[in-house]
Structures are given as structure tokens and as C-alpha cells.
Amino acid sequence: FVANASHELRTPLAGQRAVLQVALADP
């Protein structure tokens, strides 16, 4: 359960970071 919960919580966090990084990296 802990492993699955960590994966489920980490996936949207990584997605958020990727979306914001791409937006900020585009001049």
C-alpha cells in the first residue's frame, strides 16, 4: 500500500514540475 500510494502521489507531482519547467524554460 505504501509503495502504491507513494507512486500515485509522486506521479502528479512530477507532472506538475514538468509542466511548470517547460513553461518557464520557453523564453
PDB file of all heavy atoms in Angstrom:
ATOM      1  N   PHE A   1       0.827  -1.205   0.000  1.00  0.00           N
ATOM      2  CA  PHE A   1       0.000   0.000   0.000  1.00  0.00           C
ATOM      3  C   PHE A   1       0.862   1.255   0.000  1.00  0.00           C
ATOM      4  O   PHE A   1       0.600   2.208  -0.748  1.00  0.00           O
ATOM      5  CB  PHE A   1      -0.916  -0.017   1.224  1.00  0.00           C
ATOM      6  CG  PHE A   1      -1.792   1.201   1.348  1.00  0.00           C
ATOM      7  CD1 PHE A   1      -3.005   1.265   0.681  1.00  0.00           C
ATOM      8  CD2 PHE A   1      -1.403   2.284   2.121  1.00  0.00           C
ATOM      9  CE1 PHE A   1      -3.822   2.379   0.789  1.00  0.00           C
ATOM     10  CE2 PHE A   1      -2.200   3.402   2.232  1.00  0.00           C
ATOM     11  CZ  PHE A   1      -3.422   3.450   1.569  1.00  0.00           C
ATOM     12  N   VAL A   2       1.884   1.288   0.836  1.00  0.00           N
ATOM     13  CA  VAL A   2       2.759   2.468   0.903  1.00  0.00           C
ATOM     14  C   VAL A   2       3.460   2.700  -0.426  1.00  0.00           C
ATOM     15  O   VAL A   2       3.579   3.836  -0.903  1.00  0.00           O
ATOM     16  CB  VAL A   2       3.773   2.303   2.057  1.00  0.00           C
ATOM     17  CG1 VAL A   2       4.827   3.396   2.001  1.00  0.00           C
ATOM     18  CG2 VAL A   2       3.057   2.336   3.399  1.00  0.00           C
ATOM     19  N   ALA A   3       3.926   1.603  -1.048  1.00  0.00           N
ATOM     20  CA  ALA A   3       4.604   1.746  -2.339  1.00  0.00           C
ATOM     21  C   ALA A   3       3.656   2.300  -3.396  1.00  0.00           C
ATOM     22  O   ALA A   3       4.013   3.204  -4.160  1.00  0.00           O
ATOM     23  CB  ALA A   3       5.169   0.397  -2.779  1.00  0.00           C
ATOM     24  N   ASN A   4       2.433   1.786  -3.447  1.00  0.00           N
ATOM     25  CA  ASN A   4       1.471   2.271  -4.434  1.00  0.00           C
ATOM     26  C   ASN A   4       1.057   3.710  -4.156  1.00  0.00           C
ATOM     27  O   ASN A   4       0.918   4.521  -5.078  1.00  0.00           O
ATOM     28  CB  ASN A   4       0.230   1.374  -4.449  1.00  0.00           C
ATOM     29  CG  ASN A   4       0.464   0.082  -5.200  1.00  0.00           C
ATOM     30  OD1 ASN A   4       1.029   0.086  -6.288  1.00  0.00           O
ATOM     31  ND2 ASN A   4       0.073  -1.032  -4.620  1.00  0.00           N
ATOM     32  N   ALA A   5       0.831   4.034  -2.864  1.00  0.00           N
ATOM     33  CA  ALA A   5       0.445   5.397  -2.526  1.00  0.00           C
ATOM     34  C   ALA A   5       1.561   6.382  -2.885  1.00  0.00           C
ATOM     35  O   ALA A   5       1.303   7.476  -3.387  1.00  0.00           O
ATOM     36  CB  ALA A   5       0.109   5.494  -1.030  1.00  0.00           C
ATOM     37  N   SER A   6       2.804   5.987  -2.634  1.00  0.00           N
ATOM     38  CA  SER A   6       3.928   6.860  -2.995  1.00  0.00           C
ATOM     39  C   SER A   6       3.978   7.085  -4.495  1.00  0.00           C
ATOM     40  O   SER A   6       4.209   8.215  -4.963  1.00  0.00           O
ATOM     41  CB  SER A   6       5.235   6.234  -2.507  1.00  0.00           C
ATOM     42  OG  SER A   6       5.218   6.047  -1.107  1.00  0.00           O
ATOM     43  N   HIS A   7       3.741   6.016  -5.249  1.00  0.00           N
ATOM     44  CA  HIS A   7       3.751   6.153  -6.713  1.00  0.00           C
ATOM     45  C   HIS A   7       2.621   7.066  -7.181  1.00  0.00           C
ATOM     46  O   HIS A   7       2.825   7.956  -8.017  1.00  0.00           O
ATOM     47  CB  HIS A   7       3.610   4.783  -7.362  1.00  0.00           C
ATOM     48  CG  HIS A   7       3.500   4.843  -8.860  1.00  0.00           C
ATOM     49  ND1 HIS A   7       4.594   4.874  -9.680  1.00  0.00           N
ATOM     50  CD2 HIS A   7       2.412   4.896  -9.674  1.00  0.00           C
ATOM     51  CE1 HIS A   7       4.198   4.942 -10.949  1.00  0.00           C
ATOM     52  NE2 HIS A   7       2.869   4.940 -10.960  1.00  0.00           N
ATOM     53  N   GLU A   8       1.423   6.864  -6.631  1.00  0.00           N
ATOM     54  CA  GLU A   8       0.280   7.663  -7.052  1.00  0.00           C
ATOM     55  C   GLU A   8       0.450   9.136  -6.689  1.00  0.00           C
ATOM     56  O   GLU A   8      -0.001  10.012  -7.424  1.00  0.00           O
ATOM     57  CB  GLU A   8      -1.000   7.115  -6.415  1.00  0.00           C
ATOM     58  CG  GLU A   8      -1.383   5.724  -6.892  1.00  0.00           C
ATOM     59  CD  GLU A   8      -1.924   5.721  -8.313  1.00  0.00           C
ATOM     60  OE1 GLU A   8      -2.272   6.804  -8.819  1.00  0.00           O
ATOM     61  OE2 GLU A   8      -1.996   4.641  -8.917  1.00  0.00           O
ATOM     62  N   LEU A   9       1.068   9.410  -5.558  1.00  0.00           N
ATOM     63  CA  LEU A   9       1.297  10.798  -5.166  1.00  0.00           C
ATOM     64  C   LEU A   9       2.456  11.422  -5.935  1.00  0.00           C
ATOM     65  O   LEU A   9       2.442  12.626  -6.225  1.00  0.00           O
ATOM     66  CB  LEU A   9       1.571  10.867  -3.656  1.00  0.00           C
ATOM     67  CG  LEU A   9       0.362  10.638  -2.747  1.00  0.00           C
ATOM     68  CD1 LEU A   9       0.817  10.490  -1.302  1.00  0.00           C
ATOM     69  CD2 LEU A   9      -0.623  11.803  -2.873  1.00  0.00           C
ATOM     70  N   ARG A  10       3.462  10.622  -6.250  1.00  0.00           N
ATOM     71  CA  ARG A  10       4.619  11.164  -6.948  1.00  0.00           C
ATOM     72  C   ARG A  10       4.314  11.481  -8.407  1.00  0.00           C
ATOM     73  O   ARG A  10       4.872  12.425  -8.975  1.00  0.00           O
ATOM     74  CB  ARG A  10       5.772  10.159  -6.862  1.00  0.00           C
ATOM     75  CG  ARG A  10       7.075  10.694  -7.444  1.00  0.00           C
ATOM     76  CD  ARG A  10       8.233   9.757  -7.167  1.00  0.00           C
ATOM     77  NE  ARG A  10       8.016   8.462  -7.781  1.00  0.00           N
ATOM     78  CZ  ARG A  10       7.872   7.329  -7.096  1.00  0.00           C
ATOM     79  NH1 ARG A  10       7.915   7.352  -5.780  1.00  0.00           N
ATOM     80  NH2 ARG A  10       7.679   6.181  -7.713  1.00  0.00           N
ATOM     81  N   THR A  11       3.414  10.726  -9.033  1.00  0.00           N
ATOM     82  CA  THR A  11       3.136  10.933 -10.457  1.00  0.00           C
ATOM     83  C   THR A  11       2.592  12.323 -10.750  1.00  0.00           C
ATOM     84  O   THR A  11       3.118  13.023 -11.624  1.00  0.00           O
ATOM     85  CB  THR A  11       2.167   9.843 -10.961  1.00  0.00           C
ATOM     86  OG1 THR A  11       2.787   8.563 -10.797  1.00  0.00           O
ATOM     87  CG2 THR A  11       1.837  10.058 -12.421  1.00  0.00           C
ATOM     88  N   PRO A  12       1.545  12.801 -10.071  1.00  0.00           N
ATOM     89  CA  PRO A  12       1.079  14.164 -10.365  1.00  0.00           C
ATOM     90  C   PRO A  12       2.080  15.236  -9.966  1.00  0.00           C
ATOM     91  O   PRO A  12       2.166  16.287 -10.606  1.00  0.00           O
ATOM     92  CB  PRO A  12      -0.222  14.278  -9.569  1.00  0.00           C
ATOM     93  CG  PRO A  12      -0.151  13.219  -8.540  1.00  0.00           C
ATOM     94  CD  PRO A  12       0.653  12.115  -9.122  1.00  0.00           C
ATOM     95  N   LEU A  13       2.866  14.993  -8.916  1.00  0.00           N
ATOM     96  CA  LEU A  13       3.887  15.971  -8.539  1.00  0.00           C
ATOM     97  C   LEU A  13       4.930  16.110  -9.644  1.00  0.00           C
ATOM     98  O   LEU A  13       5.337  17.231 -10.003  1.00  0.00           O
ATOM     99  CB  LEU A  13       4.557  15.545  -7.227  1.00  0.00           C
ATOM    100  CG  LEU A  13       3.757  15.772  -5.944  1.00  0.00           C
ATOM    101  CD1 LEU A  13       4.487  15.152  -4.763  1.00  0.00           C
ATOM    102  CD2 LEU A  13       3.531  17.259  -5.705  1.00  0.00           C
ATOM    103  N   ALA A  14       5.366  14.962 -10.174  1.00  0.00           N
ATOM    104  CA  ALA A  14       6.324  15.020 -11.278  1.00  0.00           C
ATOM    105  C   ALA A  14       5.707  15.684 -12.495  1.00  0.00           C
ATOM    106  O   ALA A  14       6.380  16.455 -13.211  1.00  0.00           O
ATOM    107  CB  ALA A  14       6.793  13.605 -11.627  1.00  0.00           C
ATOM    108  N   GLY A  15       4.426  15.425 -12.758  1.00  0.00           N
ATOM    109  CA  GLY A  15       3.761  16.077 -13.885  1.00  0.00           C
ATOM    110  C   GLY A  15       3.669  17.573 -13.708  1.00  0.00           C
ATOM    111  O   GLY A  15       3.907  18.340 -14.654  1.00  0.00           O
ATOM    112  N   GLN A  16       3.329  18.011 -12.518  1.00  0.00           N
ATOM    113  CA  GLN A  16       3.275  19.449 -12.242  1.00  0.00           C
ATOM    114  C   GLN A  16       4.637  20.107 -12.457  1.00  0.00           C
ATOM    115  O   GLN A  16       4.746  21.178 -13.068  1.00  0.00           O
ATOM    116  CB  GLN A  16       2.799  19.687 -10.803  1.00  0.00           C
ATOM    117  CG  GLN A  16       1.313  19.595 -10.610  1.00  0.00           C
ATOM    118  CD  GLN A  16       0.932  19.905  -9.173  1.00  0.00           C
ATOM    119  OE1 GLN A  16       1.685  19.627  -8.233  1.00  0.00           O
ATOM    120  NE2 GLN A  16      -0.249  20.463  -8.987  1.00  0.00           N
ATOM    121  N   ARG A  17       5.678  19.486 -11.938  1.00  0.00           N
ATOM    122  CA  ARG A  17       7.012  20.050 -12.080  1.00  0.00           C
ATOM    123  C   ARG A  17       7.419  20.115 -13.548  1.00  0.00           C
ATOM    124  O   ARG A  17       7.987  21.122 -14.010  1.00  0.00           O
ATOM    125  CB  ARG A  17       8.010  19.214 -11.290  1.00  0.00           C
ATOM    126  CG  ARG A  17       9.423  19.788 -11.325  1.00  0.00           C
ATOM    127  CD  ARG A  17      10.348  19.066 -10.366  1.00  0.00           C
ATOM    128  NE  ARG A  17      10.489  17.664 -10.722  1.00  0.00           N
ATOM    129  CZ  ARG A  17       9.998  16.661 -10.001  1.00  0.00           C
ATOM    130  NH1 ARG A  17       9.333  16.920  -8.903  1.00  0.00           N
ATOM    131  NH2 ARG A  17      10.158  15.402 -10.403  1.00  0.00           N
ATOM    132  N   ALA A  18       7.112  19.059 -14.306  1.00  0.00           N
ATOM    133  CA  ALA A  18       7.473  19.058 -15.727  1.00  0.00           C
ATOM    134  C   ALA A  18       6.731  20.151 -16.488  1.00  0.00           C
ATOM    135  O   ALA A  18       7.318  20.856 -17.326  1.00  0.00           O
ATOM    136  CB  ALA A  18       7.178  17.690 -16.337  1.00  0.00           C
ATOM    137  N   VAL A  19       5.435  20.308 -16.218  1.00  0.00           N
ATOM    138  CA  VAL A  19       4.646  21.338 -16.910  1.00  0.00           C
ATOM    139  C   VAL A  19       5.188  22.732 -16.605  1.00  0.00           C
ATOM    140  O   VAL A  19       5.375  23.570 -17.513  1.00  0.00           O
ATOM    141  CB  VAL A  19       3.163  21.225 -16.504  1.00  0.00           C
ATOM    142  CG1 VAL A  19       2.385  22.453 -16.964  1.00  0.00           C
ATOM    143  CG2 VAL A  19       2.557  19.964 -17.092  1.00  0.00           C
ATOM    144  N   LEU A  20       5.464  23.012 -15.348  1.00  0.00           N
ATOM    145  CA  LEU A  20       5.960  24.338 -14.977  1.00  0.00           C
ATOM    146  C   LEU A  20       7.372  24.581 -15.512  1.00  0.00           C
ATOM    147  O   LEU A  20       7.698  25.701 -15.940  1.00  0.00           O
ATOM    148  CB  LEU A  20       5.934  24.482 -13.456  1.00  0.00           C
ATOM    149  CG  LEU A  20       4.533  24.442 -12.809  1.00  0.00           C
ATOM    150  CD1 LEU A  20       4.641  24.485 -11.295  1.00  0.00           C
ATOM    151  CD2 LEU A  20       3.689  25.607 -13.315  1.00  0.00           C
ATOM    152  N   GLN A  21       8.215  23.553 -15.485  1.00  0.00           N
ATOM    153  CA  GLN A  21       9.573  23.722 -16.003  1.00  0.00           C
ATOM    154  C   GLN A  21       9.568  24.012 -17.502  1.00  0.00           C
ATOM    155  O   GLN A  21      10.324  24.863 -17.985  1.00  0.00           O
ATOM    156  CB  GLN A  21      10.405  22.479 -15.704  1.00  0.00           C
ATOM    157  CG  GLN A  21      10.813  22.337 -14.247  1.00  0.00           C
ATOM    158  CD  GLN A  21      11.559  21.047 -13.972  1.00  0.00           C
ATOM    159  OE1 GLN A  21      11.526  20.116 -14.789  1.00  0.00           O
ATOM    160  NE2 GLN A  21      12.216  20.974 -12.828  1.00  0.00           N
ATOM    161  N   VAL A  22       8.711  23.323 -18.253  1.00  0.00           N
ATOM    162  CA  VAL A  22       8.625  23.561 -19.695  1.00  0.00           C
ATOM    163  C   VAL A  22       8.127  24.974 -19.968  1.00  0.00           C
ATOM    164  O   VAL A  22       8.649  25.691 -20.854  1.00  0.00           O
ATOM    165  CB  VAL A  22       7.701  22.513 -20.349  1.00  0.00           C
ATOM    166  CG1 VAL A  22       7.397  22.892 -21.794  1.00  0.00           C
ATOM    167  CG2 VAL A  22       8.351  21.138 -20.300  1.00  0.00           C
ATOM    168  N   ALA A  23       7.120  25.411 -19.205  1.00  0.00           N
ATOM    169  CA  ALA A  23       6.583  26.755 -19.416  1.00  0.00           C
ATOM    170  C   ALA A  23       7.618  27.820 -19.082  1.00  0.00           C
ATOM    171  O   ALA A  23       7.753  28.827 -19.798  1.00  0.00           O
ATOM    172  CB  ALA A  23       5.329  26.949 -18.576  1.00  0.00           C
ATOM    173  N   LEU A  24       8.370  27.632 -18.003  1.00  0.00           N
ATOM    174  CA  LEU A  24       9.370  28.629 -17.610  1.00  0.00           C
ATOM    175  C   LEU A  24      10.592  28.599 -18.527  1.00  0.00           C
ATOM    176  O   LEU A  24      11.271  29.627 -18.707  1.00  0.00           O
ATOM    177  CB  LEU A  24       9.791  28.383 -16.162  1.00  0.00           C
ATOM    178  CG  LEU A  24       8.715  28.646 -15.093  1.00  0.00           C
ATOM    179  CD1 LEU A  24       9.227  28.245 -13.720  1.00  0.00           C
ATOM    180  CD2 LEU A  24       8.302  30.122 -15.095  1.00  0.00           C
ATOM    181  N   ALA A  25      10.894  27.438 -19.104  1.00  0.00           N
ATOM    182  CA  ALA A  25      12.075  27.344 -19.960  1.00  0.00           C
ATOM    183  C   ALA A  25      11.847  27.936 -21.346  1.00  0.00           C
ATOM    184  O   ALA A  25      12.822  28.182 -22.076  1.00  0.00           O
ATOM    185  CB  ALA A  25      12.491  25.878 -20.094  1.00  0.00           C
ATOM    186  N   ASP A  26      10.609  28.181 -21.717  1.00  0.00           N
ATOM    187  CA  ASP A  26      10.312  28.739 -23.044  1.00  0.00           C
ATOM    188  C   ASP A  26      10.370  30.265 -22.969  1.00  0.00           C
ATOM    189  O   ASP A  26       9.486  30.902 -22.391  1.00  0.00           O
ATOM    190  CB  ASP A  26       8.927  28.272 -23.490  1.00  0.00           C
ATOM    191  CG  ASP A  26       8.624  28.705 -24.917  1.00  0.00           C
ATOM    192  OD1 ASP A  26       9.510  29.308 -25.547  1.00  0.00           O
ATOM    193  OD2 ASP A  26       7.497  28.442 -25.386  1.00  0.00           O
ATOM    194  N   PRO A  27      11.407  30.885 -23.552  1.00  0.00           N
ATOM    195  CA  PRO A  27      11.517  32.353 -23.463  1.00  0.00           C
ATOM    196  C   PRO A  27      10.434  33.069 -24.263  1.00  0.00           C
ATOM    197  O   PRO A  27      10.156  34.252 -24.021  1.00  0.00           O
ATOM    198  CB  PRO A  27      12.915  32.640 -24.029  1.00  0.00           C
ATOM    199  CG  PRO A  27      13.208  31.491 -24.915  1.00  0.00           C
ATOM    200  CD  PRO A  27      12.519  30.310 -24.317  1.00  0.00           C
TER     201      PRO A  27
END
